[in-house]
Amino acid sequence: MSRAAAAGQVRVIGGMLAELDGLAARMEAALGEEQAALAARDAEAIAAAAARKADLAAALESARAALERETGAASGPALAAALHRADPGGTLARRWDALRTRLAALRHRNRANGLAIELQRRAAAQALAVLRGEEAEAPTYGPRGAVRTPSGGGRSLGRG
């Protein structure tokens, strides 16, 4: 590959990494909005944030796939090697490593938001069970460590 072609590929890949980084920044903002909506227990804002996250996740996946096509390598070690071949100085590889670290932090934050959603869902289900007159039983843990809340019988408070 000529120097000009190599420099062109570095510019293209650099632009793709910049696009991924911009999408990651937007995802970070969406996760922050979701977290604030969860704290406020604002169902409409939670739903809007979830829709934004889904759109951004699709855009991130599309941009990552385009990067893989451009480099001819799948994510992981093959992509790191392809970036190093395209830019022996390591600038692209360092940007990719920083981006991977940022994306891992976003996955962690998304899981934390998901846990908060699940806890709010369970609290609402327990409140409804009390209103229906169902017996409250202590939750138990399933084989994978998830909390299971047994449903009990009882009479509804609304049925006299």
N, C-alpha and C. Protein backbone atom coordinates (compact mmCIF):
# COMPACT_ATOMS: atom_id res chain seq x y z
N MET A 1 0.85 -1.17 0.00
CA MET A 1 0.00 0.00 0.00
C MET A 1 0.90 1.23 0.00
N SER A 2 0.56 2.19 -0.84
CA SER A 2 1.37 3.41 -0.93
C SER A 2 1.18 4.26 0.34
N ARG A 3 2.11 5.18 0.53
CA ARG A 3 2.01 6.07 1.69
C ARG A 3 0.72 6.87 1.67
N ALA A 4 0.35 7.34 0.49
CA ALA A 4 -0.87 8.15 0.37
C ALA A 4 -2.10 7.30 0.71
N ALA A 5 -2.11 6.06 0.23
CA ALA A 5 -3.24 5.18 0.52
C ALA A 5 -3.30 4.85 2.01
N ALA A 6 -2.12 4.60 2.60
CA ALA A 6 -2.06 4.31 4.03
C ALA A 6 -2.55 5.51 4.84
N ALA A 7 -2.11 6.70 4.45
CA ALA A 7 -2.54 7.92 5.15
C ALA A 7 -4.05 8.12 5.00
N GLY A 8 -4.56 7.80 3.82
CA GLY A 8 -6.01 7.90 3.60
C GLY A 8 -6.78 6.93 4.48
N GLN A 9 -6.27 5.71 4.60
CA GLN A 9 -6.94 4.72 5.44
C GLN A 9 -6.90 5.16 6.90
N VAL A 10 -5.78 5.71 7.35
CA VAL A 10 -5.67 6.19 8.73
C VAL A 10 -6.72 7.29 8.96
N ARG A 11 -6.88 8.21 7.98
CA ARG A 11 -7.89 9.27 8.12
C ARG A 11 -9.30 8.68 8.19
N VAL A 12 -9.58 7.70 7.32
CA VAL A 12 -10.92 7.09 7.32
C VAL A 12 -11.19 6.39 8.64
N ILE A 13 -10.24 5.59 9.09
CA ILE A 13 -10.42 4.86 10.35
C ILE A 13 -10.50 5.85 11.51
N GLY A 14 -9.69 6.89 11.48
CA GLY A 14 -9.76 7.92 12.52
C GLY A 14 -11.13 8.57 12.57
N GLY A 15 -11.70 8.82 11.40
CA GLY A 15 -13.05 9.38 11.35
C GLY A 15 -14.08 8.43 11.92
N MET A 16 -13.90 7.15 11.64
CA MET A 16 -14.83 6.14 12.17
C MET A 16 -14.73 6.06 13.69
N LEU A 17 -13.51 6.13 14.20
CA LEU A 17 -13.33 6.12 15.66
C LEU A 17 -13.94 7.37 16.28
N ALA A 18 -13.82 8.51 15.60
CA ALA A 18 -14.43 9.75 16.10
C ALA A 18 -15.95 9.62 16.12
N GLU A 19 -16.51 8.99 15.08
CA GLU A 19 -17.96 8.78 15.06
C GLU A 19 -18.39 7.89 16.22
N LEU A 20 -17.66 6.80 16.44
CA LEU A 20 -17.98 5.92 17.56
C LEU A 20 -17.88 6.66 18.89
N ASP A 21 -16.87 7.49 19.03
CA ASP A 21 -16.69 8.24 20.27
C ASP A 21 -17.84 9.22 20.47
N GLY A 22 -18.28 9.87 19.40
CA GLY A 22 -19.42 10.78 19.50
C GLY A 22 -20.70 10.05 19.89
N LEU A 23 -20.90 8.87 19.32
CA LEU A 23 -22.07 8.06 19.68
C LEU A 23 -21.98 7.62 21.14
N ALA A 24 -20.78 7.28 21.59
CA ALA A 24 -20.59 6.89 22.99
C ALA A 24 -20.92 8.06 23.91
N ALA A 25 -20.53 9.27 23.53
CA ALA A 25 -20.85 10.46 24.34
C ALA A 25 -22.37 10.66 24.41
N ARG A 26 -23.04 10.46 23.28
CA ARG A 26 -24.50 10.60 23.28
C ARG A 26 -25.15 9.51 24.13
N MET A 27 -24.60 8.29 24.11
CA MET A 27 -25.13 7.21 24.94
C MET A 27 -24.91 7.53 26.41
N GLU A 28 -23.77 8.11 26.73
CA GLU A 28 -23.48 8.51 28.10
C GLU A 28 -24.54 9.51 28.59
N ALA A 29 -24.88 10.47 27.73
CA ALA A 29 -25.90 11.46 28.08
C ALA A 29 -27.26 10.79 28.26
N ALA A 30 -27.60 9.87 27.37
CA ALA A 30 -28.89 9.17 27.47
C ALA A 30 -28.97 8.36 28.76
N LEU A 31 -27.87 7.72 29.14
CA LEU A 31 -27.85 6.96 30.39
C LEU A 31 -28.00 7.88 31.59
N GLY A 32 -27.40 9.07 31.52
CA GLY A 32 -27.57 10.05 32.59
C GLY A 32 -29.01 10.52 32.70
N GLU A 33 -29.64 10.74 31.54
CA GLU A 33 -31.06 11.14 31.54
C GLU A 33 -31.92 10.02 32.11
N GLU A 34 -31.60 8.78 31.74
CA GLU A 34 -32.36 7.65 32.26
C GLU A 34 -32.20 7.55 33.77
N GLN A 35 -30.99 7.73 34.24
CA GLN A 35 -30.72 7.66 35.68
C GLN A 35 -31.51 8.74 36.42
N ALA A 36 -31.53 9.95 35.87
CA ALA A 36 -32.29 11.03 36.49
C ALA A 36 -33.79 10.73 36.48
N ALA A 37 -34.27 10.17 35.38
CA ALA A 37 -35.69 9.81 35.28
C ALA A 37 -36.04 8.71 36.28
N LEU A 38 -35.12 7.77 36.47
CA LEU A 38 -35.35 6.71 37.45
C LEU A 38 -35.41 7.29 38.86
N ALA A 39 -34.51 8.21 39.16
CA ALA A 39 -34.51 8.83 40.48
C ALA A 39 -35.80 9.60 40.72
N ALA A 40 -36.32 10.24 39.66
CA ALA A 40 -37.56 11.00 39.76
C ALA A 40 -38.80 10.11 39.62
N ARG A 41 -38.58 8.85 39.26
CA ARG A 41 -39.68 7.90 39.01
C ARG A 41 -40.65 8.44 37.96
N ASP A 42 -40.06 9.02 36.92
CA ASP A 42 -40.82 9.62 35.82
C ASP A 42 -40.92 8.59 34.68
N ALA A 43 -42.05 7.90 34.61
CA ALA A 43 -42.22 6.81 33.64
C ALA A 43 -42.07 7.27 32.19
N GLU A 44 -42.60 8.44 31.87
CA GLU A 44 -42.49 8.93 30.49
C GLU A 44 -41.04 9.22 30.12
N ALA A 45 -40.31 9.83 31.04
CA ALA A 45 -38.90 10.13 30.78
C ALA A 45 -38.07 8.85 30.70
N ILE A 46 -38.42 7.86 31.51
CA ILE A 46 -37.72 6.56 31.45
C ILE A 46 -37.94 5.92 30.09
N ALA A 47 -39.18 5.94 29.62
CA ALA A 47 -39.49 5.35 28.31
C ALA A 47 -38.78 6.10 27.18
N ALA A 48 -38.74 7.42 27.27
CA ALA A 48 -38.05 8.22 26.24
C ALA A 48 -36.56 7.92 26.24
N ALA A 49 -35.97 7.81 27.42
CA ALA A 49 -34.53 7.50 27.51
C ALA A 49 -34.26 6.11 26.96
N ALA A 50 -35.14 5.17 27.23
CA ALA A 50 -34.97 3.80 26.72
C ALA A 50 -35.02 3.78 25.19
N ALA A 51 -35.90 4.57 24.62
CA ALA A 51 -35.99 4.66 23.15
C ALA A 51 -34.71 5.27 22.57
N ARG A 52 -34.20 6.34 23.21
CA ARG A 52 -32.95 6.95 22.76
C ARG A 52 -31.80 5.95 22.85
N LYS A 53 -31.77 5.21 23.96
CA LYS A 53 -30.70 4.22 24.14
C LYS A 53 -30.77 3.15 23.05
N ALA A 54 -31.95 2.70 22.71
CA ALA A 54 -32.09 1.68 21.66
C ALA A 54 -31.59 2.21 20.32
N ASP A 55 -31.95 3.43 20.00
CA ASP A 55 -31.48 4.05 18.74
C ASP A 55 -29.96 4.18 18.73
N LEU A 56 -29.41 4.63 19.85
CA LEU A 56 -27.96 4.81 19.94
C LEU A 56 -27.22 3.48 19.91
N ALA A 57 -27.79 2.46 20.54
CA ALA A 57 -27.17 1.13 20.52
C ALA A 57 -27.11 0.61 19.09
N ALA A 58 -28.18 0.82 18.33
CA ALA A 58 -28.19 0.39 16.93
C ALA A 58 -27.15 1.17 16.12
N ALA A 59 -27.05 2.48 16.36
CA ALA A 59 -26.07 3.29 15.65
C ALA A 59 -24.64 2.89 16.01
N LEU A 60 -24.40 2.59 17.29
CA LEU A 60 -23.08 2.13 17.72
C LEU A 60 -22.72 0.81 17.05
N GLU A 61 -23.67 -0.10 17.00
CA GLU A 61 -23.42 -1.40 16.37
C GLU A 61 -23.13 -1.23 14.88
N SER A 62 -23.87 -0.37 14.22
CA SER A 62 -23.66 -0.11 12.80
C SER A 62 -22.28 0.51 12.56
N ALA A 63 -21.89 1.46 13.40
CA ALA A 63 -20.59 2.11 13.25
C ALA A 63 -19.46 1.12 13.53
N ARG A 64 -19.64 0.26 14.52
CA ARG A 64 -18.63 -0.76 14.82
C ARG A 64 -18.49 -1.72 13.66
N ALA A 65 -19.60 -2.14 13.07
CA ALA A 65 -19.57 -3.05 11.92
C ALA A 65 -18.87 -2.39 10.73
N ALA A 66 -19.09 -1.10 10.54
CA ALA A 66 -18.42 -0.37 9.45
C ALA A 66 -16.92 -0.34 9.68
N LEU A 67 -16.51 -0.15 10.93
CA LEU A 67 -15.08 -0.16 11.27
C LEU A 67 -14.48 -1.54 10.97
N GLU A 68 -15.21 -2.58 11.32
CA GLU A 68 -14.73 -3.94 11.05
C GLU A 68 -14.61 -4.18 9.55
N ARG A 69 -15.57 -3.68 8.77
CA ARG A 69 -15.49 -3.83 7.31
C ARG A 69 -14.29 -3.07 6.74
N GLU A 70 -14.09 -1.87 7.24
CA GLU A 70 -12.98 -1.04 6.74
C GLU A 70 -11.63 -1.68 7.03
N THR A 71 -11.49 -2.24 8.22
CA THR A 71 -10.21 -2.83 8.61
C THR A 71 -10.08 -4.28 8.17
N GLY A 72 -11.20 -4.90 7.83
CA GLY A 72 -11.18 -6.31 7.46
C GLY A 72 -10.96 -7.22 8.65
N ALA A 73 -11.26 -6.73 9.85
CA ALA A 73 -11.03 -7.51 11.06
C ALA A 73 -12.20 -7.36 12.02
N ALA A 74 -12.50 -8.45 12.70
CA ALA A 74 -13.54 -8.41 13.72
C ALA A 74 -12.98 -7.74 14.97
N SER A 75 -13.86 -7.38 15.89
CA SER A 75 -13.44 -6.75 17.14
C SER A 75 -12.47 -7.65 17.88
N GLY A 76 -11.81 -7.10 18.85
CA GLY A 76 -10.88 -7.86 19.66
C GLY A 76 -9.46 -7.75 19.14
N PRO A 77 -8.68 -8.80 19.38
CA PRO A 77 -7.27 -8.77 18.99
C PRO A 77 -7.05 -8.56 17.49
N ALA A 78 -7.92 -9.12 16.66
CA ALA A 78 -7.76 -8.95 15.21
C ALA A 78 -7.91 -7.49 14.81
N LEU A 79 -8.85 -6.79 15.42
CA LEU A 79 -9.04 -5.37 15.11
C LEU A 79 -7.86 -4.56 15.61
N ALA A 80 -7.39 -4.86 16.81
CA ALA A 80 -6.23 -4.15 17.34
C ALA A 80 -5.02 -4.33 16.42
N ALA A 81 -4.83 -5.55 15.92
CA ALA A 81 -3.71 -5.82 15.00
C ALA A 81 -3.89 -5.05 13.69
N ALA A 82 -5.11 -5.01 13.18
CA ALA A 82 -5.39 -4.29 11.94
C ALA A 82 -5.13 -2.79 12.11
N LEU A 83 -5.51 -2.26 13.26
CA LEU A 83 -5.26 -0.84 13.53
C LEU A 83 -3.77 -0.56 13.62
N HIS A 84 -3.04 -1.48 14.21
CA HIS A 84 -1.59 -1.30 14.31
C HIS A 84 -0.93 -1.38 12.92
N ARG A 85 -1.43 -2.28 12.07
CA ARG A 85 -0.89 -2.36 10.70
C ARG A 85 -1.17 -1.07 9.93
N ALA A 86 -2.36 -0.52 10.11
CA ALA A 86 -2.73 0.71 9.40
C ALA A 86 -1.94 1.90 9.93
N ASP A 87 -1.63 1.88 11.23
CA ASP A 87 -0.96 3.00 11.88
C ASP A 87 0.08 2.46 12.86
N PRO A 88 1.26 2.12 12.36
CA PRO A 88 2.30 1.55 13.23
C PRO A 88 2.67 2.45 14.41
N GLY A 89 2.40 3.74 14.31
CA GLY A 89 2.68 4.66 15.43
C GLY A 89 1.80 4.41 16.64
N GLY A 90 0.67 3.72 16.43
CA GLY A 90 -0.19 3.33 17.54
C GLY A 90 -1.28 4.31 17.93
N THR A 91 -1.39 5.42 17.22
CA THR A 91 -2.42 6.40 17.57
C THR A 91 -3.82 5.81 17.47
N LEU A 92 -4.10 5.10 16.38
CA LEU A 92 -5.43 4.49 16.22
C LEU A 92 -5.68 3.43 17.29
N ALA A 93 -4.68 2.62 17.58
CA ALA A 93 -4.85 1.57 18.59
C ALA A 93 -5.12 2.19 19.96
N ARG A 94 -4.44 3.28 20.30
CA ARG A 94 -4.68 3.94 21.59
C ARG A 94 -6.09 4.53 21.64
N ARG A 95 -6.53 5.12 20.54
CA ARG A 95 -7.90 5.66 20.51
C ARG A 95 -8.92 4.54 20.65
N TRP A 96 -8.68 3.40 19.99
CA TRP A 96 -9.59 2.26 20.08
C TRP A 96 -9.62 1.73 21.51
N ASP A 97 -8.46 1.62 22.15
CA ASP A 97 -8.42 1.14 23.54
C ASP A 97 -9.21 2.07 24.46
N ALA A 98 -9.04 3.38 24.29
CA ALA A 98 -9.78 4.34 25.11
C ALA A 98 -11.28 4.22 24.85
N LEU A 99 -11.64 4.02 23.60
CA LEU A 99 -13.05 3.86 23.25
C LEU A 99 -13.63 2.58 23.86
N ARG A 100 -12.87 1.50 23.79
CA ARG A 100 -13.33 0.23 24.38
C ARG A 100 -13.53 0.39 25.89
N THR A 101 -12.64 1.11 26.55
CA THR A 101 -12.77 1.35 27.99
C THR A 101 -14.04 2.16 28.26
N ARG A 102 -14.28 3.17 27.44
CA ARG A 102 -15.48 4.00 27.61
C ARG A 102 -16.74 3.18 27.40
N LEU A 103 -16.74 2.33 26.37
CA LEU A 103 -17.91 1.50 26.09
C LEU A 103 -18.16 0.49 27.21
N ALA A 104 -17.10 -0.04 27.81
CA ALA A 104 -17.26 -0.97 28.93
C ALA A 104 -17.90 -0.24 30.12
N ALA A 105 -17.49 0.99 30.37
CA ALA A 105 -18.08 1.78 31.45
C ALA A 105 -19.56 2.05 31.17
N LEU A 106 -19.89 2.29 29.91
CA LEU A 106 -21.29 2.51 29.54
C LEU A 106 -22.12 1.24 29.74
N ARG A 107 -21.56 0.08 29.40
CA ARG A 107 -22.27 -1.18 29.63
C ARG A 107 -22.54 -1.37 31.13
N HIS A 108 -21.55 -1.06 31.94
CA HIS A 108 -21.71 -1.18 33.39
C HIS A 108 -22.81 -0.23 33.89
N ARG A 109 -22.78 1.00 33.42
CA ARG A 109 -23.79 1.98 33.83
C ARG A 109 -25.18 1.56 33.37
N ASN A 110 -25.26 1.00 32.17
CA ASN A 110 -26.55 0.54 31.66
C ASN A 110 -27.09 -0.60 32.52
N ARG A 111 -26.20 -1.52 32.94
CA ARG A 111 -26.64 -2.61 33.82
C ARG A 111 -27.12 -2.07 35.15
N ALA A 112 -26.45 -1.05 35.68
CA ALA A 112 -26.88 -0.44 36.95
C ALA A 112 -28.27 0.19 36.79
N ASN A 113 -28.50 0.88 35.67
CA ASN A 113 -29.82 1.45 35.42
C ASN A 113 -30.86 0.34 35.29
N GLY A 114 -30.49 -0.74 34.62
CA GLY A 114 -31.41 -1.87 34.48
C GLY A 114 -31.78 -2.47 35.82
N LEU A 115 -30.81 -2.56 36.72
CA LEU A 115 -31.09 -3.06 38.07
C LEU A 115 -32.05 -2.13 38.79
N ALA A 116 -31.84 -0.82 38.65
CA ALA A 116 -32.74 0.14 39.28
C ALA A 116 -34.16 0.00 38.74
N ILE A 117 -34.28 -0.23 37.44
CA ILE A 117 -35.60 -0.44 36.84
C ILE A 117 -36.25 -1.70 37.42
N GLU A 118 -35.47 -2.76 37.52
CA GLU A 118 -36.01 -4.02 38.06
C GLU A 118 -36.44 -3.86 39.51
N LEU A 119 -35.67 -3.13 40.30
CA LEU A 119 -36.05 -2.91 41.70
C LEU A 119 -37.34 -2.11 41.79
N GLN A 120 -37.49 -1.09 40.95
CA GLN A 120 -38.73 -0.31 40.95
C GLN A 120 -39.91 -1.16 40.50
N ARG A 121 -39.68 -2.02 39.52
CA ARG A 121 -40.74 -2.90 39.04
C ARG A 121 -41.19 -3.85 40.16
N ARG A 122 -40.24 -4.39 40.87
CA ARG A 122 -40.58 -5.31 41.97
C ARG A 122 -41.32 -4.60 43.09
N ALA A 123 -40.90 -3.38 43.41
CA ALA A 123 -41.58 -2.61 44.45
C ALA A 123 -43.02 -2.34 44.05
N ALA A 124 -43.24 -2.01 42.78
CA ALA A 124 -44.61 -1.77 42.30
C ALA A 124 -45.42 -3.06 42.35
N ALA A 125 -44.81 -4.18 41.97
CA ALA A 125 -45.52 -5.47 42.00
C ALA A 125 -45.89 -5.83 43.44
N GLN A 126 -44.99 -5.57 44.40
CA GLN A 126 -45.29 -5.87 45.79
C GLN A 126 -46.41 -4.98 46.32
N ALA A 127 -46.40 -3.72 45.92
CA ALA A 127 -47.47 -2.81 46.35
C ALA A 127 -48.81 -3.27 45.79
N LEU A 128 -48.82 -3.70 44.54
CA LEU A 128 -50.06 -4.21 43.95
C LEU A 128 -50.52 -5.48 44.66
N ALA A 129 -49.58 -6.33 45.03
CA ALA A 129 -49.94 -7.57 45.74
C ALA A 129 -50.60 -7.25 47.07
N VAL A 130 -50.09 -6.25 47.77
CA VAL A 130 -50.68 -5.85 49.05
C VAL A 130 -52.10 -5.33 48.81
N LEU A 131 -52.28 -4.52 47.77
CA LEU A 131 -53.60 -3.98 47.48
C LEU A 131 -54.59 -5.07 47.09
N ARG A 132 -54.09 -6.13 46.48
CA ARG A 132 -54.95 -7.26 46.10
C ARG A 132 -55.21 -8.19 47.27
N GLY A 133 -54.53 -7.98 48.38
CA GLY A 133 -54.71 -8.83 49.55
C GLY A 133 -53.92 -10.12 49.49
N GLU A 134 -52.93 -10.15 48.65
CA GLU A 134 -52.10 -11.35 48.56
C GLU A 134 -51.14 -11.38 49.74
N GLU A 135 -50.85 -12.58 50.20
CA GLU A 135 -49.92 -12.71 51.32
C GLU A 135 -48.52 -12.35 50.88
N ALA A 136 -47.86 -11.58 51.69
CA ALA A 136 -46.48 -11.23 51.39
C ALA A 136 -45.57 -12.28 51.99
N GLU A 137 -44.78 -12.90 51.16
CA GLU A 137 -43.82 -13.89 51.62
C GLU A 137 -42.43 -13.33 51.39
N ALA A 138 -41.51 -13.82 52.18
CA ALA A 138 -40.12 -13.37 52.03
C ALA A 138 -39.59 -13.84 50.68
N PRO A 139 -38.87 -12.98 50.01
CA PRO A 139 -38.29 -13.40 48.73
C PRO A 139 -37.20 -14.44 48.95
N THR A 140 -37.01 -15.27 47.94
CA THR A 140 -35.94 -16.27 47.99
C THR A 140 -35.02 -16.05 46.80
N TYR A 141 -33.89 -16.72 46.82
CA TYR A 141 -32.93 -16.59 45.73
C TYR A 141 -32.99 -17.82 44.85
N GLY A 142 -32.98 -17.59 43.54
CA GLY A 142 -32.99 -18.67 42.57
C GLY A 142 -31.58 -19.21 42.35
N PRO A 143 -31.46 -20.20 41.49
CA PRO A 143 -30.16 -20.83 41.26
C PRO A 143 -29.10 -19.89 40.68
N ARG A 144 -29.51 -18.82 40.02
CA ARG A 144 -28.54 -17.87 39.46
C ARG A 144 -28.36 -16.64 40.32
N GLY A 145 -28.91 -16.66 41.53
CA GLY A 145 -28.75 -15.55 42.44
C GLY A 145 -29.80 -14.47 42.33
N ALA A 146 -30.75 -14.63 41.41
CA ALA A 146 -31.81 -13.64 41.25
C ALA A 146 -32.85 -13.83 42.36
N VAL A 147 -33.42 -12.74 42.80
CA VAL A 147 -34.45 -12.80 43.83
C VAL A 147 -35.75 -13.27 43.20
N ARG A 148 -36.39 -14.24 43.86
CA ARG A 148 -37.71 -14.70 43.42
C ARG A 148 -38.70 -14.38 44.53
N THR A 149 -39.80 -13.76 44.16
CA THR A 149 -40.83 -13.44 45.12
C THR A 149 -42.01 -14.36 44.87
N PRO A 150 -42.28 -15.29 45.79
CA PRO A 150 -43.40 -16.21 45.58
C PRO A 150 -44.72 -15.44 45.62
N SER A 151 -45.65 -15.87 44.81
CA SER A 151 -46.97 -15.23 44.85
C SER A 151 -47.86 -16.05 45.78
N GLY A 152 -48.54 -15.34 46.60
CA GLY A 152 -49.40 -16.03 47.55
C GLY A 152 -50.86 -15.77 47.25
N GLY A 153 -51.72 -16.50 47.89
CA GLY A 153 -53.15 -16.27 47.73
C GLY A 153 -53.60 -15.25 48.75
N GLY A 154 -54.82 -14.93 48.76
CA GLY A 154 -55.37 -13.96 49.71
C GLY A 154 -56.56 -13.29 49.07
N ARG A 155 -57.15 -12.43 49.82
CA ARG A 155 -58.29 -11.72 49.26
C ARG A 155 -57.90 -10.30 48.96
N SER A 156 -58.49 -9.72 47.96
CA SER A 156 -58.18 -8.37 47.52
C SER A 156 -58.80 -7.38 48.49
N LEU A 157 -58.09 -6.30 48.74
CA LEU A 157 -58.65 -5.23 49.56
C LEU A 157 -59.83 -4.58 48.87
N GLY A 158 -59.87 -4.68 47.56
CA GLY A 158 -60.94 -4.06 46.80
C GLY A 158 -62.19 -4.92 46.69
N ARG A 159 -62.16 -6.16 47.18
CA ARG A 159 -63.31 -7.05 47.04
C ARG A 159 -64.05 -7.26 48.33
N GLY A 160 -63.83 -6.53 49.35
CA GLY A 160 -64.56 -6.60 50.59
C GLY A 160 -64.54 -7.87 51.24
